Protein backbone atom coordinates (compact mmCIF):
# COMPACT_ATOMS: atom_id res chain seq x y z
CA MET A 1 106.53 95.01 94.02
CA ILE A 2 107.46 97.35 96.87
CA GLU A 3 107.45 95.97 100.40
CA GLN A 4 104.72 97.44 102.58
CA ARG A 5 106.30 98.30 105.95
CA SER A 6 103.61 100.21 107.82
CA GLN A 7 101.19 98.25 110.00
CA THR A 8 98.59 101.06 110.21
CA PRO A 9 95.82 100.12 107.76
CA ALA A 10 93.96 102.38 105.38
CA VAL A 11 91.35 101.33 102.84
CA VAL A 12 92.08 102.58 99.33
CA LEU A 13 89.41 102.44 96.62
CA LEU A 14 91.32 101.13 93.62
CA SER A 15 89.70 101.11 90.19
CA GLY A 16 92.88 100.51 88.20
CA GLY A 17 92.80 103.97 86.63
CA LEU A 18 95.20 106.87 86.80
CA ASP A 19 93.65 108.65 89.78
CA SER A 20 93.30 105.61 92.01
CA ALA A 21 96.86 104.49 91.27
CA THR A 22 98.10 107.90 92.39
CA LEU A 23 95.92 107.49 95.47
CA ALA A 24 97.48 104.13 96.36
CA TRP A 25 101.02 105.51 96.13
CA GLN A 26 99.97 108.56 98.16
CA ALA A 27 98.50 106.37 100.90
CA ARG A 28 101.75 104.44 101.12
CA ALA A 29 103.75 107.69 101.20
CA ASP A 30 101.47 108.86 104.02
CA GLY A 31 102.67 105.90 106.04
CA PHE A 32 99.72 103.51 105.72
CA ALA A 33 99.49 99.83 104.87
CA VAL A 34 97.39 99.85 101.70
CA HIS A 35 94.29 97.66 101.81
CA ALA A 36 93.04 98.03 98.26
CA LEU A 37 89.37 97.54 97.41
CA SER A 38 88.12 97.08 93.83
CA PHE A 39 84.68 96.30 92.43
CA ASP A 40 83.42 94.12 89.63
CA TYR A 41 80.11 95.96 89.33
CA GLY A 42 79.10 94.91 85.83
CA GLN A 43 81.25 97.48 84.06
CA ARG A 44 82.00 96.86 80.40
CA HIS A 45 85.67 97.90 80.77
CA LEU A 46 86.79 94.91 82.83
CA ALA A 47 90.42 95.50 81.80
CA GLU A 48 90.52 98.03 84.64
CA LEU A 49 90.25 95.19 87.17
CA GLN A 50 93.36 93.57 85.72
CA ALA A 51 95.02 96.97 85.99
CA ALA A 52 93.90 97.26 89.62
CA ALA A 53 95.59 93.94 90.41
CA ARG A 54 98.81 95.15 88.76
CA VAL A 55 98.74 98.42 90.70
CA ALA A 56 98.03 96.70 94.02
CA ASP A 57 100.97 94.36 93.47
CA ALA A 58 103.30 97.18 92.40
CA VAL A 59 102.45 99.41 95.38
CA GLY A 60 102.96 96.51 97.79
CA ALA A 61 99.38 96.39 99.06
CA ALA A 62 98.90 94.48 102.30
CA ASP A 63 95.68 93.11 100.83
CA HIS A 64 93.65 93.55 97.65
CA ARG A 65 90.05 92.45 97.44
CA THR A 66 87.63 92.62 94.51
CA ILE A 67 83.94 92.57 95.42
CA ARG A 68 81.25 91.61 92.94
CA ILE A 69 78.09 93.72 93.05
CA ASP A 70 75.24 93.78 90.52
CA MET A 71 75.00 97.43 89.54
CA ASP A 72 74.12 96.39 86.00
CA GLY A 73 70.92 95.06 87.60
CA ILE A 74 69.59 98.61 88.05
CA GLY A 75 71.01 99.94 84.77
CA GLY A 76 70.95 103.63 84.05
CA SER A 77 74.50 103.86 82.71
CA SER A 78 76.26 103.12 79.44
CA LEU A 79 79.12 101.64 81.49
CA THR A 80 76.89 98.78 82.64
CA ASP A 81 74.17 98.62 79.98
CA ARG A 82 75.73 97.19 76.83
CA SER A 83 72.73 98.19 74.75
CA ARG A 84 73.80 101.83 75.18
CA ALA A 85 76.85 103.28 73.47
CA VAL A 86 79.59 104.97 75.48
CA PRO A 87 79.72 108.47 73.99
CA ASP A 88 82.76 110.23 72.60
CA HIS A 89 83.98 113.27 74.52
CA ASP A 90 81.86 116.29 73.60
CA PRO A 91 83.46 119.58 74.73
CA ALA A 92 80.22 121.47 74.05
CA SER A 93 78.04 119.30 76.27
CA GLN A 94 77.02 120.56 79.72
CA ALA A 95 74.97 117.47 80.59
CA ILE A 96 76.02 114.69 82.91
CA PRO A 97 77.15 111.96 80.47
CA SER A 98 75.55 108.54 80.21
CA THR A 99 78.70 107.02 81.75
CA TYR A 100 77.52 108.22 85.17
CA VAL A 101 76.64 105.14 87.26
CA PRO A 102 73.85 105.90 89.78
CA ALA A 103 74.94 105.44 93.41
CA ARG A 104 78.36 104.01 92.43
CA ASN A 105 80.58 106.01 94.78
CA LEU A 106 77.93 105.83 97.50
CA THR A 107 77.98 102.04 97.22
CA PHE A 108 81.77 101.79 97.01
CA LEU A 109 82.28 103.97 100.07
CA SER A 110 79.73 101.94 102.02
CA PHE A 111 81.69 98.75 101.40
CA ALA A 112 84.95 100.57 102.15
CA LEU A 113 83.52 101.82 105.43
CA GLY A 114 82.51 98.30 106.41
CA TRP A 115 85.98 96.94 105.66
CA ALA A 116 87.60 99.86 107.49
CA GLU A 117 85.54 98.97 110.56
CA VAL A 118 86.67 95.34 110.37
CA LEU A 119 90.31 96.38 109.93
CA ASP A 120 90.08 99.01 112.68
CA ALA A 121 91.24 101.50 110.05
CA GLU A 122 90.45 105.18 110.49
CA ARG A 123 91.11 106.49 106.96
CA ILE A 124 89.48 105.67 103.62
CA TYR A 125 91.07 107.00 100.43
CA ILE A 126 88.86 107.83 97.45
CA GLY A 127 90.13 109.37 94.22
CA VAL A 128 87.21 111.62 93.32
CA ASN A 129 88.04 114.79 91.45
CA ALA A 130 85.97 117.94 90.98
CA VAL A 131 88.18 119.68 88.41
CA ASP A 132 89.05 117.60 85.33
CA TYR A 133 86.11 115.21 85.33
CA SER A 134 82.77 114.60 83.60
CA GLY A 135 80.45 116.32 86.06
CA TYR A 136 79.41 113.26 88.06
CA PRO A 137 77.38 114.33 91.13
CA ASP A 138 79.15 111.80 93.38
CA CYS A 139 82.52 113.45 92.70
CA ARG A 140 81.47 116.77 94.26
CA PRO A 141 82.94 118.06 97.54
CA ALA A 142 79.42 118.17 99.04
CA PHE A 143 79.05 114.43 98.55
CA ILE A 144 82.33 113.69 100.37
CA GLU A 145 81.38 116.07 103.18
CA GLN A 146 78.01 114.42 103.69
CA PHE A 147 79.36 110.87 103.55
CA GLN A 148 81.98 111.87 106.12
CA LYS A 149 79.14 112.78 108.50
CA LEU A 150 77.32 109.54 107.73
CA ALA A 151 80.45 107.44 108.29
CA ASN A 152 80.75 108.64 111.85
CA VAL A 153 77.24 107.55 112.86
CA ALA A 154 76.99 104.35 110.80
CA THR A 155 79.30 101.89 112.57
CA ALA A 156 80.04 100.39 115.97
CA ALA A 157 83.63 101.66 115.89
CA ASP A 158 84.88 103.63 118.88
CA HIS A 159 86.83 106.07 116.71
CA PRO A 160 85.97 108.54 113.94
CA PHE A 161 86.59 107.80 110.27
CA GLU A 162 88.15 110.12 107.71
CA ILE A 163 87.01 110.03 104.09
CA HIS A 164 90.23 111.27 102.52
CA ALA A 165 89.98 112.71 98.99
CA PRO A 166 93.40 114.30 98.36
CA LEU A 167 92.85 114.66 94.59
CA LEU A 168 89.56 116.51 94.91
CA TYR A 169 90.78 119.95 93.82
CA LEU A 170 93.71 118.96 91.57
CA THR A 171 93.78 119.16 87.80
CA LYS A 172 94.61 115.96 85.93
CA ALA A 173 98.04 117.39 85.13
CA GLN A 174 98.68 118.09 88.82
CA ILE A 175 97.61 114.55 89.71
CA ILE A 176 100.00 113.11 87.12
CA ARG A 177 102.90 115.26 88.30
CA GLN A 178 102.22 114.22 91.89
CA GLY A 179 102.12 110.58 90.89
CA ASP A 180 105.30 110.93 88.88
CA GLU A 181 107.07 112.31 91.95
CA LEU A 182 105.75 109.38 94.01
CA GLY A 183 107.01 106.89 91.43
CA VAL A 184 103.69 105.73 89.99
CA ASP A 185 104.01 103.60 86.86
CA TYR A 186 101.03 104.83 84.84
CA GLY A 187 101.73 102.17 82.23
CA LEU A 188 100.07 99.74 84.64
CA THR A 189 96.77 101.64 84.61
CA VAL A 190 93.67 101.59 82.41
CA SER A 191 91.33 104.60 82.30
CA CYS A 192 89.36 104.13 79.08
CA TYR A 193 85.61 103.46 79.31
CA ARG A 194 85.83 101.38 76.11
CA ALA A 195 89.12 99.59 76.72
CA ASP A 196 89.42 96.26 74.90
CA GLU A 197 90.44 92.98 76.53
CA GLN A 198 94.11 93.91 76.14
CA GLY A 199 93.50 97.20 77.94
CA ARG A 200 94.00 99.32 74.84
CA ALA A 201 92.24 102.68 74.98
CA CYS A 202 89.78 104.08 72.44
CA GLY A 203 91.22 107.60 72.64
CA LYS A 204 87.78 109.16 72.18
CA CYS A 205 85.75 108.83 75.40
CA ASP A 206 85.68 111.39 78.23
CA SER A 207 88.16 109.44 80.31
CA CYS A 208 90.65 109.17 77.44
CA HIS A 209 90.28 112.88 76.74
CA TYR A 210 91.09 113.98 80.28
CA ARG A 211 93.92 111.45 80.63
CA ARG A 212 95.61 112.47 77.35
CA GLN A 213 95.13 116.17 78.14
CA GLY A 214 96.61 115.63 81.60
CA PHE A 215 99.82 114.10 80.30
CA GLU A 216 100.14 116.84 77.68
CA GLN A 217 99.70 119.60 80.26
CA ALA A 218 102.02 117.86 82.71
CA GLY A 219 104.72 117.70 80.02
CA LEU A 220 105.15 113.96 80.55
CA PRO A 221 104.97 111.07 78.07
CA ASP A 222 101.64 109.27 77.91
CA PRO A 223 102.20 105.50 78.30
CA THR A 224 98.63 104.66 77.25
CA PRO A 225 98.35 101.96 74.55
CA TYR A 226 95.70 103.00 72.04
CA ALA A 227 93.77 100.56 69.87
């Protein structure tokens, strides 16, 4: 674990995956005390929460909280509805995949905004990406822009908030290279939508595809354990 020296708080949305781990290290490099926020939202790949705890400890987070919310109660996604299969990556498909979780990032950012208000933090880090991703609508720049406007009329804080998405326009390879320079240990992370209880990846889902491709294009070894 690395000692967290800064006293200026920032809320970092931490899923336990590759992107959010890079985000946590970037927030620390930017001079913030990392207050990591994870969610147990009914996702089938719970190994990512164990990964989030490992990442928070390794980055020296000032605090790490996991909030339980019942997104499986509304369904609509193969990540929360176990009666639906998580699809393999299909390079020919142009459709938004069934792994999209309705209102997930909207909900996560709302909780992050509330905690930021309590902490008197002005910056919230979110690891959305609009380049190497599956086409989720809540990863688009327009979504971040609109939530930024909402954040600044939705609280009693006497200061503005910044929804900071530094990975938004980076390829997966660029994210990995950036994280490598920051010292991220990607062996701590879990990205797979079908990861088993040991955190081993399926190697076939969208998330596995983009992760493996990213390491290949970055020219760096992939530490992912595959089942």
